Amino acid sequence: MKIYLSQDAAARALGADRVAAAIIAQAALQDIQIELVRTGTRGMIWLEPLAEIETPEGRVAIGPMTPEDVPALLQADAASAHPKALGLTEEIPFLKSQTRLTFARVGVVDPLSLADYKANGGLKGLERARGMAAEARLEEVLASGLRGRGGAGFPAGIKWKTVANAPADRRYIVCNADEGDSGTFADRMLIEGDPFTLIEGMAIAGLSVKASMGYVYLRSEYPDAIDILERAVQIARAEGILGKDFNIEVRTGAGAYVCGEETSLLNSLEGKRGVVRAKPPLPAIEGFMGRPTVVNNVLTLATIPWIFANGAQAYADFGIGRSRGTMPLQLAGNIKFGGLYETAFGTSLGEIVETIGGGTATGRPVKAVQVGGPLGAYFTPAQYDTPFGYEEFAGKDGLIGHAGIVVFDESADMPQLARFAMEFCAVESCGKCTPCRIGAVRGVETIDRMIAGDAQAEELLRDLCNTMKLGSLCALGGFTPYPVLSALNHFPQEFAPLKEAAE
């Protein structure tokens, strides 16, 4: 009997390890031979811990599991008779309707089994890349339309070409795994569930720009991901996947939010204080140790193997406008079906929240949807027709960022949420530039003045936000005004009592 059970951090937090221990103990008690495979999560967090039983028809899902559900799991008819049986995993509507490219293997394979990885299409992209000319590899990435999935949305092919063509004695690949935005977990989920796809993507990147070394900057708050990735790198190195001229090292960050910004990350990686660097020069010209450096997000690099295995055009066929391919959406906050959903760009915000996410977990109406992390703008149901794409969201003064989607119901206090965004920036600012260092502090004070009934505070707050947008060196100070201004613009009635009190 073969049973699959997630060892993803989210599943473990919900009791997966206790379920695993119960399965092993119950199997021994009943003298049943089992094979327990710990995988990543399928992304349906509301069903975790989710057990899957292998049957001739495919895997059958049973969950959410508790240790008390285990005895029935080991019965011969568990796939159909277990009280929590959900049918074939691949037929669950949330999973069936996805377009899984980057996350195709997550939840399916043993994360540290290279045999599993190869059996499910792994290393085909690297094999093809090694047979291509150097310029052809760069053109493949450019033609795919792949843009940075970490938030900026800069075309990956242009960045790679810039690094490859920059004169230097040494070049580097740096993977930004410092996933600090609230409501985001895709990087962690990918690393814990399919680390070899990230390693393969970095190997292709190193081959393409002639880099000798790759670094993964992974936040210390992800101990499971750190452990799995370090073990996967050791396996890949031993099996010759990295080749003779490229190596990968995992570095752990110390938890500073600003180190998610690429130049702060590079400073930290070099052992310096994590503060923003002024640009130019760009990291693609003078990055890590002053050498040309590709800095890409986990999801960007993890998508590269699919592109090389299936061709640039196959990837570019998904999406809309300049937003090509798929995006792993992270559904969080007050939402019924929280988890990860990978789909092509172009799906409307309304469909994401109401159809895919099932609306709010409380059953109350949706009031606001924050897209793009703690510094993303708030969207309302009136904007549900907005297609999920970089330019489409920017056209409505928003950003998709790392595709974290946090839902709030009608009970949300928008003035307090606006205040939180400013306070977050004040706490996390590296202090490099004045608009961020001073502006966020003054912003918190100004919002407090509004809450206290100061009629002049709103105009001051708007001016301050516009100054921060124009003058900050990095996204932290530049994007903080987005949630504040969107709260003021979309929910004026909540700020109206403050004005009336002043009058």
Protein backbone atom coordinates (compact mmCIF):
# COMPACT_ATOMS: atom_id res chain seq x y z
CA MET A 1 0.00 0.00 0.00
CA LYS A 2 1.51 3.30 -1.10
CA ILE A 3 0.47 6.47 0.70
CA TYR A 4 1.53 10.02 -0.10
CA LEU A 5 1.48 12.69 2.63
CA SER A 6 2.76 16.25 2.47
CA GLN A 7 5.74 17.40 4.51
CA ASP A 8 5.27 21.02 3.42
CA ALA A 9 5.61 23.49 6.31
CA ALA A 10 1.93 24.44 6.06
CA ALA A 11 0.85 20.79 6.22
CA ARG A 12 3.19 20.14 9.13
CA ALA A 13 1.74 23.15 10.96
CA LEU A 14 -1.68 21.55 10.52
CA GLY A 15 -0.55 18.22 11.95
CA ALA A 16 0.92 16.22 9.04
CA ASP A 17 3.79 14.82 11.11
CA ARG A 18 1.35 13.51 13.72
CA VAL A 19 -0.66 11.86 10.96
CA ALA A 20 2.53 10.32 9.51
CA ALA A 21 3.50 8.90 12.91
CA ALA A 22 -0.01 7.47 13.31
CA ILE A 23 0.17 5.82 9.87
CA ILE A 24 3.47 4.13 10.67
CA ALA A 25 2.27 3.00 14.10
CA GLN A 26 -1.08 1.73 12.86
CA ALA A 27 0.54 -0.16 9.96
CA ALA A 28 2.88 -1.90 12.39
CA LEU A 29 -0.03 -2.72 14.69
CA GLN A 30 -2.05 -4.25 11.86
CA ASP A 31 1.03 -5.82 10.21
CA ILE A 32 0.32 -4.01 6.94
CA GLN A 33 3.15 -3.32 4.52
CA ILE A 34 3.06 0.34 3.49
CA GLU A 35 5.28 2.78 1.63
CA LEU A 36 4.86 6.30 2.99
CA VAL A 37 6.12 9.01 0.64
CA ARG A 38 6.41 12.53 2.01
CA THR A 39 5.79 15.07 -0.75
CA GLY A 40 5.22 18.78 -1.13
CA THR A 41 1.69 20.13 -0.86
CA ARG A 42 -0.81 20.18 -3.71
CA GLY A 43 -1.62 23.72 -2.61
CA MET A 44 -5.12 23.04 -1.27
CA ILE A 45 -4.27 24.17 2.23
CA TRP A 46 -7.82 23.83 3.57
CA LEU A 47 -7.53 20.08 2.93
CA GLU A 48 -4.21 19.60 4.71
CA PRO A 49 -3.02 17.25 6.05
CA LEU A 50 -4.02 15.57 2.78
CA ALA A 51 -3.25 11.87 2.33
CA GLU A 52 -3.28 10.22 -1.09
CA ILE A 53 -3.61 6.50 -1.73
CA GLU A 54 -2.22 5.03 -4.94
CA THR A 55 -4.84 3.03 -6.86
CA PRO A 56 -4.94 1.58 -10.40
CA GLU A 57 -7.09 4.56 -11.44
CA GLY A 58 -4.75 7.12 -9.92
CA ARG A 59 -4.20 8.75 -6.56
CA VAL A 60 -7.24 9.15 -4.33
CA ALA A 61 -7.28 12.08 -1.92
CA ILE A 62 -8.42 11.77 1.68
CA GLY A 63 -8.47 14.75 4.02
CA PRO A 64 -8.11 16.81 5.98
CA MET A 65 -6.62 14.01 8.07
CA THR A 66 -6.23 13.65 11.82
CA PRO A 67 -4.49 10.79 13.65
CA GLU A 68 -7.96 9.47 14.52
CA ASP A 69 -8.73 9.06 10.79
CA VAL A 70 -5.73 6.78 10.21
CA PRO A 71 -7.20 3.32 11.04
CA ALA A 72 -9.85 3.73 8.32
CA LEU A 73 -7.14 4.94 5.91
CA LEU A 74 -5.43 1.54 6.05
CA GLN A 75 -8.54 -0.44 5.21
CA ALA A 76 -8.68 -2.11 1.80
CA ASP A 77 -11.70 -0.04 0.73
CA ALA A 78 -10.39 3.28 2.10
CA ALA A 79 -10.31 4.94 -1.34
CA SER A 80 -14.09 4.72 -1.60
CA ALA A 81 -15.33 4.12 1.94
CA HIS A 82 -13.25 6.47 4.08
CA PRO A 83 -15.47 9.25 5.51
CA LYS A 84 -13.06 11.88 4.21
CA ALA A 85 -12.44 10.38 0.75
CA LEU A 86 -12.50 13.04 -1.95
CA GLY A 87 -12.11 10.95 -5.09
CA LEU A 88 -9.24 11.16 -7.54
CA THR A 89 -6.90 13.99 -6.53
CA GLU A 90 -6.51 15.27 -10.08
CA GLU A 91 -10.30 15.56 -10.39
CA ILE A 92 -10.74 17.91 -7.44
CA PRO A 93 -12.11 21.07 -9.13
CA PHE A 94 -9.56 23.44 -7.54
CA LEU A 95 -6.70 21.35 -8.91
CA LYS A 96 -8.27 20.17 -12.17
CA SER A 97 -8.92 23.70 -13.47
CA GLN A 98 -5.31 24.85 -13.05
CA THR A 99 -2.58 25.16 -15.67
CA ARG A 100 0.37 23.81 -13.74
CA LEU A 101 3.68 24.37 -15.48
CA THR A 102 6.08 25.63 -12.80
CA PHE A 103 4.29 23.63 -10.08
CA ALA A 104 3.57 20.51 -12.14
CA ARG A 105 5.57 18.20 -9.87
CA VAL A 106 4.87 19.86 -6.50
CA GLY A 107 2.82 17.50 -4.35
CA VAL A 108 3.43 14.69 -6.84
CA VAL A 109 7.05 13.68 -6.28
CA ASP A 110 9.34 12.94 -3.37
CA PRO A 111 11.25 16.28 -3.30
CA LEU A 112 14.62 14.59 -2.79
CA SER A 113 14.19 11.74 -5.24
CA LEU A 114 16.12 12.47 -8.41
CA ALA A 115 14.54 9.37 -9.95
CA ASP A 116 11.06 10.82 -9.31
CA TYR A 117 12.18 14.12 -10.79
CA LYS A 118 13.47 12.51 -13.99
CA ALA A 119 10.40 10.26 -14.29
CA ASN A 120 8.21 13.37 -14.28
CA GLY A 121 10.05 15.31 -16.97
CA GLY A 122 12.94 16.68 -14.98
CA LEU A 123 16.31 17.53 -16.61
CA LYS A 124 14.87 17.55 -20.14
CA GLY A 125 15.26 21.33 -20.26
CA LEU A 126 18.88 21.22 -19.15
CA GLU A 127 19.65 18.47 -21.64
CA ARG A 128 18.23 20.54 -24.48
CA ALA A 129 19.99 23.70 -23.27
CA ARG A 130 23.35 21.95 -23.32
CA GLY A 131 22.83 21.10 -26.97
CA MET A 132 22.06 24.70 -27.99
CA ALA A 133 24.39 27.51 -29.02
CA ALA A 134 24.97 30.21 -26.40
CA GLU A 135 23.02 32.90 -28.26
CA ALA A 136 20.15 30.49 -28.94
CA ARG A 137 19.71 29.88 -25.23
CA LEU A 138 19.37 33.60 -24.56
CA GLU A 139 16.93 34.01 -27.44
CA GLU A 140 14.82 31.15 -26.05
CA VAL A 141 14.30 32.98 -22.77
CA LEU A 142 13.58 36.25 -24.53
CA ALA A 143 11.11 34.67 -26.95
CA SER A 144 9.19 33.00 -24.12
CA GLY A 145 8.12 36.38 -22.77
CA LEU A 146 9.09 35.30 -19.25
CA ARG A 147 9.22 38.26 -16.89
CA GLY A 148 10.59 38.37 -13.37
CA ARG A 149 8.08 36.74 -11.03
CA GLY A 150 9.42 38.47 -7.93
CA GLY A 151 7.39 41.61 -8.50
CA ALA A 152 9.19 43.95 -10.91
CA GLY A 153 8.13 42.04 -14.03
CA PHE A 154 11.34 42.86 -15.93
CA PRO A 155 11.91 40.61 -18.98
CA ALA A 156 14.22 37.79 -17.92
CA GLY A 157 15.73 37.44 -21.40
CA ILE A 158 16.91 41.06 -21.49
CA LYS A 159 18.53 40.71 -18.07
CA TRP A 160 20.29 37.49 -19.07
CA LYS A 161 21.54 39.03 -22.33
CA THR A 162 22.89 42.05 -20.48
CA VAL A 163 24.84 39.84 -18.07
CA ALA A 164 26.12 37.55 -20.83
CA ASN A 165 27.38 40.47 -22.91
CA ALA A 166 28.97 42.43 -20.05
CA PRO A 167 32.77 42.14 -20.12
CA ALA A 168 33.97 40.39 -16.97
CA ASP A 169 36.26 37.65 -15.69
CA ARG A 170 33.43 36.17 -13.60
CA ARG A 171 29.63 36.18 -13.58
CA TYR A 172 27.05 35.05 -11.04
CA ILE A 173 23.50 33.75 -10.72
CA VAL A 174 21.64 34.87 -7.59
CA CYS A 175 18.26 33.44 -6.71
CA ASN A 176 16.14 35.75 -4.58
CA ALA A 177 14.28 33.44 -2.20
CA ASP A 178 13.75 36.13 0.44
CA GLU A 179 9.97 35.80 0.29
CA GLY A 180 8.89 38.49 2.75
CA ASP A 181 5.49 39.69 1.55
CA SER A 182 2.49 38.82 3.67
CA GLY A 183 0.17 36.42 1.85
CA THR A 184 2.97 34.85 -0.22
CA PHE A 185 4.34 31.34 0.09
CA ALA A 186 4.94 30.10 -3.46
CA ASP A 187 8.75 30.26 -3.23
CA ARG A 188 8.77 28.21 -0.05
CA MET A 189 6.24 25.76 -1.42
CA LEU A 190 8.26 25.25 -4.61
CA ILE A 191 11.55 24.73 -2.78
CA GLU A 192 10.03 22.31 -0.29
CA GLY A 193 8.11 20.41 -2.94
CA ASP A 194 10.35 20.39 -6.04
CA PRO A 195 13.83 21.78 -5.32
CA PHE A 196 15.46 20.18 -8.36
CA THR A 197 13.46 22.38 -10.74
CA LEU A 198 15.05 25.48 -9.16
CA ILE A 199 18.48 23.86 -9.33
CA GLU A 200 17.93 22.91 -12.97
CA GLY A 201 16.80 26.45 -13.77
CA MET A 202 19.89 27.92 -12.13
CA ALA A 203 22.11 25.47 -14.03
CA ILE A 204 20.56 26.57 -17.33
CA ALA A 205 21.00 30.23 -16.33
CA GLY A 206 24.63 29.63 -15.43
CA LEU A 207 25.23 27.88 -18.73
CA SER A 208 23.52 30.66 -20.67
CA VAL A 209 25.47 33.59 -19.23
CA LYS A 210 28.70 31.66 -18.52
CA ALA A 211 28.41 32.07 -14.76
CA SER A 212 30.70 30.09 -12.49
CA MET A 213 28.68 30.30 -9.29
CA GLY A 214 25.07 30.49 -8.15
CA TYR A 215 23.69 31.56 -4.78
CA VAL A 216 20.25 31.06 -3.29
CA TYR A 217 19.47 33.75 -0.72
CA LEU A 218 16.87 32.04 1.46
CA ARG A 219 15.21 33.61 4.49
CA SER A 220 15.94 32.13 7.92
CA GLU A 221 12.21 31.84 8.67
CA TYR A 222 12.08 28.89 6.24
CA PRO A 223 14.08 26.14 8.04
CA ASP A 224 12.35 23.28 6.17
CA ALA A 225 13.08 24.87 2.81
CA ILE A 226 16.71 25.50 3.78
CA ASP A 227 17.21 21.88 4.81
CA ILE A 228 15.56 20.40 1.70
CA LEU A 229 17.35 22.71 -0.73
CA GLU A 230 20.78 22.12 0.81
CA ARG A 231 20.27 18.35 0.57
CA ALA A 232 19.00 18.67 -3.01
CA VAL A 233 22.06 20.72 -4.01
CA GLN A 234 24.34 18.04 -2.56
CA ILE A 235 22.53 15.37 -4.59
CA ALA A 236 22.65 17.47 -7.76
CA ARG A 237 26.35 18.15 -7.29
CA ALA A 238 27.12 14.47 -6.69
CA GLU A 239 25.13 13.41 -9.75
CA GLY A 240 26.89 15.88 -12.04
CA ILE A 241 23.77 17.92 -12.79
CA LEU A 242 25.56 21.22 -12.18
CA GLY A 243 28.38 20.37 -14.56
CA LYS A 244 32.10 20.97 -14.05
CA ASP A 245 32.07 24.77 -14.29
CA PHE A 246 29.09 25.75 -12.12
CA ASN A 247 28.20 25.35 -8.47
CA ILE A 248 25.37 26.44 -6.15
CA GLU A 249 25.51 27.55 -2.54
CA VAL A 250 22.59 28.26 -0.18
CA ARG A 251 22.93 31.40 1.95
CA THR A 252 20.55 32.27 4.80
CA GLY A 253 19.28 35.81 5.35
CA ALA A 254 18.63 37.36 8.76
CA GLY A 255 15.01 38.38 8.25
CA ALA A 256 15.21 41.97 6.97
CA TYR A 257 12.28 42.71 4.64
CA VAL A 258 14.33 45.17 2.60
CA CYS A 259 16.73 42.36 1.61
CA GLY A 260 14.03 41.20 -0.77
CA GLU A 261 15.14 44.17 -2.90
CA GLU A 262 17.90 42.92 -5.17
CA THR A 263 20.66 45.40 -4.29
CA SER A 264 20.04 45.11 -0.54
CA LEU A 265 20.16 41.35 -1.01
CA LEU A 266 23.51 41.61 -2.80
CA ASN A 267 24.94 43.72 0.00
CA SER A 268 23.79 41.17 2.56
CA LEU A 269 25.16 38.33 0.43
CA GLU A 270 28.54 40.08 0.46
CA GLY A 271 28.44 40.33 4.26
CA LYS A 272 27.55 44.00 4.33
CA ARG A 273 24.63 45.84 5.88
CA GLY A 274 21.43 45.22 3.91
CA VAL A 275 20.83 48.67 2.46
CA VAL A 276 19.73 49.70 -1.00
CA ARG A 277 22.36 50.57 -3.59
CA ALA A 278 21.88 53.56 -5.83
CA LYS A 279 21.43 52.73 -9.53
CA PRO A 280 23.26 52.86 -11.90
CA PRO A 281 25.20 50.67 -12.05
CA LEU A 282 22.64 47.92 -12.43
CA PRO A 283 23.35 44.50 -10.88
CA ALA A 284 23.43 43.06 -14.39
CA ILE A 285 26.59 45.14 -14.94
CA GLU A 286 28.02 45.39 -11.43
CA GLY A 287 26.25 43.04 -9.06
CA PHE A 288 27.66 40.50 -6.63
CA MET A 289 31.28 41.36 -5.85
CA GLY A 290 31.13 44.00 -8.57
CA ARG A 291 30.61 41.40 -11.32
CA PRO A 292 27.70 40.99 -13.78
CA THR A 293 24.93 39.15 -11.95
CA VAL A 294 21.57 37.65 -12.88
CA VAL A 295 19.23 38.24 -9.93
CA ASN A 296 15.99 36.34 -10.43
CA ASN A 297 13.19 35.19 -8.18
CA VAL A 298 12.63 31.49 -7.33
CA LEU A 299 9.59 31.21 -9.61
CA THR A 300 11.40 32.84 -12.53
CA LEU A 301 14.29 30.38 -12.39
CA ALA A 302 12.02 27.41 -11.63
CA THR A 303 10.02 28.11 -14.79
CA ILE A 304 13.10 28.00 -17.04
CA PRO A 305 13.26 24.16 -17.22
CA TRP A 306 9.68 23.98 -18.56
CA ILE A 307 10.45 26.61 -21.20
CA PHE A 308 13.54 24.76 -22.44
CA ALA A 309 11.84 21.37 -22.31
CA ASN A 310 8.73 22.50 -24.21
CA GLY A 311 9.92 25.49 -26.24
CA ALA A 312 9.57 29.25 -25.89
CA GLN A 313 6.46 29.45 -28.06
CA ALA A 314 4.61 26.86 -25.99
CA TYR A 315 5.10 29.09 -22.96
CA ALA A 316 4.34 32.35 -24.75
CA ASP A 317 1.03 30.88 -25.96
CA PHE A 318 -0.32 31.36 -22.43
CA GLY A 319 -1.25 34.77 -21.06
CA ILE A 320 -2.32 38.18 -22.32
CA GLY A 321 -0.55 41.25 -23.69
CA ARG A 322 2.99 41.47 -22.34
CA SER A 323 2.16 39.12 -19.45
CA ARG A 324 3.05 35.73 -20.91
CA GLY A 325 2.90 32.29 -19.38
CA THR A 326 1.36 31.35 -16.06
CA MET A 327 1.41 32.89 -12.60
CA PRO A 328 1.16 30.96 -9.32
CA LEU A 329 -1.51 32.86 -7.39
CA GLN A 330 -1.33 32.73 -3.61
CA LEU A 331 -4.78 33.06 -2.07
CA ALA A 332 -4.74 34.16 1.55
CA GLY A 333 -6.55 36.22 4.15
CA ASN A 334 -10.28 35.82 4.67
CA ILE A 335 -10.85 33.40 1.80
CA LYS A 336 -12.68 30.07 1.69
CA PHE A 337 -10.20 28.13 -0.45
CA GLY A 338 -6.80 29.42 0.57
CA GLY A 339 -3.77 28.03 -1.20
CA LEU A 340 -1.82 28.09 -4.44
CA TYR A 341 -3.48 28.20 -7.85
CA GLU A 342 -1.37 28.35 -11.02
CA THR A 343 -3.10 29.72 -14.09
CA ALA A 344 -2.38 31.75 -17.21
CA PHE A 345 -2.31 35.53 -16.98
CA GLY A 346 -5.61 37.14 -17.95
CA THR A 347 -7.99 35.63 -15.41
CA SER A 348 -10.12 38.39 -13.90
CA LEU A 349 -9.69 39.40 -10.28
CA GLY A 350 -13.35 38.58 -9.65
CA GLU A 351 -12.96 35.04 -10.93
CA ILE A 352 -9.83 34.58 -8.80
CA VAL A 353 -11.53 35.74 -5.60
CA GLU A 354 -15.10 34.51 -5.99
CA THR A 355 -14.88 31.43 -8.26
CA ILE A 356 -11.42 30.02 -7.56
CA GLY A 357 -11.15 31.25 -3.97
CA GLY A 358 -14.81 30.73 -3.12
CA GLY A 359 -15.29 34.20 -1.63
CA THR A 360 -14.70 34.91 2.03
CA ALA A 361 -14.29 32.22 4.67
CA THR A 362 -16.70 34.11 6.92
CA GLY A 363 -19.41 34.23 4.25
CA ARG A 364 -19.60 38.01 4.50
CA PRO A 365 -19.24 40.17 1.37
CA VAL A 366 -15.76 40.98 0.13
CA LYS A 367 -14.77 44.53 0.99
CA ALA A 368 -11.22 44.78 -0.31
CA VAL A 369 -8.58 42.66 -2.01
CA GLN A 370 -4.93 43.57 -1.55
CA VAL A 371 -2.78 42.33 -4.41
CA GLY A 372 1.00 42.40 -4.36
CA GLY A 373 1.90 42.07 -0.70
CA PRO A 374 1.68 44.56 2.19
CA LEU A 375 2.57 47.42 -0.15
CA GLY A 376 0.03 46.53 -2.84
CA ALA A 377 -3.07 48.59 -3.56
CA TYR A 378 -6.54 47.65 -2.34
CA PHE A 379 -9.00 46.67 -5.06
CA THR A 380 -12.76 46.56 -4.55
CA PRO A 381 -15.47 44.32 -6.06
CA ALA A 382 -16.20 47.19 -8.45
CA GLN A 383 -12.81 46.42 -10.04
CA TYR A 384 -13.37 42.67 -10.32
CA ASP A 385 -13.24 42.88 -14.13
CA THR A 386 -9.49 43.74 -14.01
CA PRO A 387 -7.51 41.04 -15.86
CA PHE A 388 -4.57 39.66 -13.91
CA GLY A 389 -1.60 41.12 -15.77
CA TYR A 390 1.25 43.54 -15.11
CA GLU A 391 0.11 46.42 -17.30
CA GLU A 392 -3.58 45.86 -16.53
CA PHE A 393 -3.01 46.29 -12.79
CA ALA A 394 -0.56 49.15 -13.25
CA GLY A 395 -3.23 50.92 -15.30
CA LYS A 396 -5.42 50.97 -12.20
CA ASP A 397 -2.67 52.19 -9.85
CA GLY A 398 -1.94 48.70 -8.59
CA LEU A 399 0.67 46.00 -8.95
CA ILE A 400 0.61 42.23 -9.02
CA GLY A 401 4.00 41.88 -7.35
CA HIS A 402 4.65 38.32 -6.28
CA ALA A 403 0.94 37.52 -6.82
CA GLY A 404 -0.03 37.43 -3.17
CA ILE A 405 -3.79 38.00 -2.92
CA VAL A 406 -5.17 38.85 0.52
CA VAL A 407 -8.95 39.12 0.93
CA PHE A 408 -10.80 41.21 3.52
CA ASP A 409 -14.51 41.12 4.32
CA GLU A 410 -16.82 43.98 5.28
CA SER A 411 -15.51 44.11 8.85
CA ALA A 412 -12.06 45.38 7.77
CA ASP A 413 -11.00 48.75 9.19
CA MET A 414 -9.46 50.52 6.19
CA PRO A 415 -7.95 53.52 8.06
CA GLN A 416 -6.12 51.08 10.33
CA LEU A 417 -4.97 48.98 7.38
CA ALA A 418 -3.62 52.14 5.72
CA ARG A 419 -1.81 52.98 8.92
CA PHE A 420 -0.31 49.49 9.05
CA ALA A 421 1.23 49.92 5.59
CA MET A 422 2.99 53.12 6.70
CA GLU A 423 4.07 51.63 10.01
CA PHE A 424 5.41 48.54 8.22
CA CYS A 425 7.57 50.73 6.02
CA ALA A 426 8.76 52.77 9.00
CA VAL A 427 9.87 49.61 10.80
CA GLU A 428 11.42 47.84 7.80
CA SER A 429 13.11 50.79 6.06
CA CYS A 430 16.85 50.37 5.68
CA GLY A 431 17.20 54.14 6.12
CA LYS A 432 19.14 54.72 2.91
CA CYS A 433 16.84 57.33 1.36
CA THR A 434 15.00 60.25 2.98
CA PRO A 435 11.49 59.69 1.50
CA CYS A 436 11.37 56.19 2.95
CA ARG A 437 13.26 56.84 6.21
CA ILE A 438 11.46 60.06 7.14
CA GLY A 439 8.34 59.84 5.00
CA ALA A 440 7.03 56.62 6.54
CA VAL A 441 7.42 57.97 10.08
CA ARG A 442 5.66 61.22 9.18
CA GLY A 443 3.04 59.15 7.34
CA VAL A 444 2.11 57.20 10.47
CA GLU A 445 1.86 60.46 12.40
CA THR A 446 -0.31 62.04 9.70
CA ILE A 447 -2.71 59.09 9.58
CA ASP A 448 -2.99 59.30 13.37
CA ARG A 449 -3.88 62.98 12.94
CA MET A 450 -6.64 61.99 10.51
CA ILE A 451 -7.99 59.42 12.93
CA ALA A 452 -7.95 62.10 15.63
CA GLY A 453 -10.05 64.37 13.39
CA ASP A 454 -7.51 66.76 11.84
CA ALA A 455 -9.21 68.13 8.70
CA GLN A 456 -5.90 69.20 7.12
CA ALA A 457 -4.21 65.83 7.50
CA GLU A 458 -5.62 64.21 4.33
CA GLU A 459 -4.06 66.76 1.98
CA LEU A 460 -0.75 66.45 3.81
CA LEU A 461 -0.92 62.65 3.57
CA ARG A 462 -1.57 62.73 -0.17
CA ASP A 463 1.36 65.09 -0.74
CA LEU A 464 3.61 62.91 1.38
CA CYS A 465 2.59 59.77 -0.51
CA ASN A 466 3.33 61.36 -3.87
CA THR A 467 6.74 62.46 -2.61
CA MET A 468 7.54 58.92 -1.46
CA LYS A 469 6.49 57.45 -4.81
CA LEU A 470 8.80 59.79 -6.70
CA GLY A 471 11.81 59.88 -4.39
CA SER A 472 12.36 56.42 -2.91
CA LEU A 473 15.24 54.33 -4.19
CA CYS A 474 13.50 50.97 -3.84
CA ALA A 475 10.05 49.43 -3.88
CA LEU A 476 9.62 49.62 -0.10
CA GLY A 477 9.22 53.39 0.04
CA GLY A 478 7.96 53.72 -3.52
CA PHE A 479 5.06 51.30 -3.14
CA THR A 480 4.01 52.06 0.45
CA PRO A 481 1.74 54.90 -0.77
CA TYR A 482 -0.29 52.48 -2.93
CA PRO A 483 -2.34 50.88 -0.12
CA VAL A 484 -2.69 54.24 1.64
CA LEU A 485 -3.94 56.13 -1.41
CA SER A 486 -6.21 53.29 -2.55
CA ALA A 487 -7.78 53.15 0.93
CA LEU A 488 -8.40 56.90 0.78
CA ASN A 489 -9.79 56.76 -2.77
CA HIS A 490 -11.95 53.62 -2.54
CA PHE A 491 -13.27 54.00 0.99
CA PRO A 492 -13.78 57.74 1.53
CA GLN A 493 -16.87 57.03 3.63
CA GLU A 494 -14.67 55.42 6.29
CA PHE A 495 -12.54 58.53 6.48
CA ALA A 496 -15.57 60.85 6.28
CA PRO A 497 -16.51 60.50 9.97
CA LEU A 498 -13.01 61.68 10.78
CA LYS A 499 -13.56 64.84 8.74
CA GLU A 500 -17.00 65.38 10.22
CA ALA A 501 -15.59 65.06 13.70
CA ALA A 502 -13.05 67.77 12.91
CA GLU A 503 -15.72 70.09 11.53
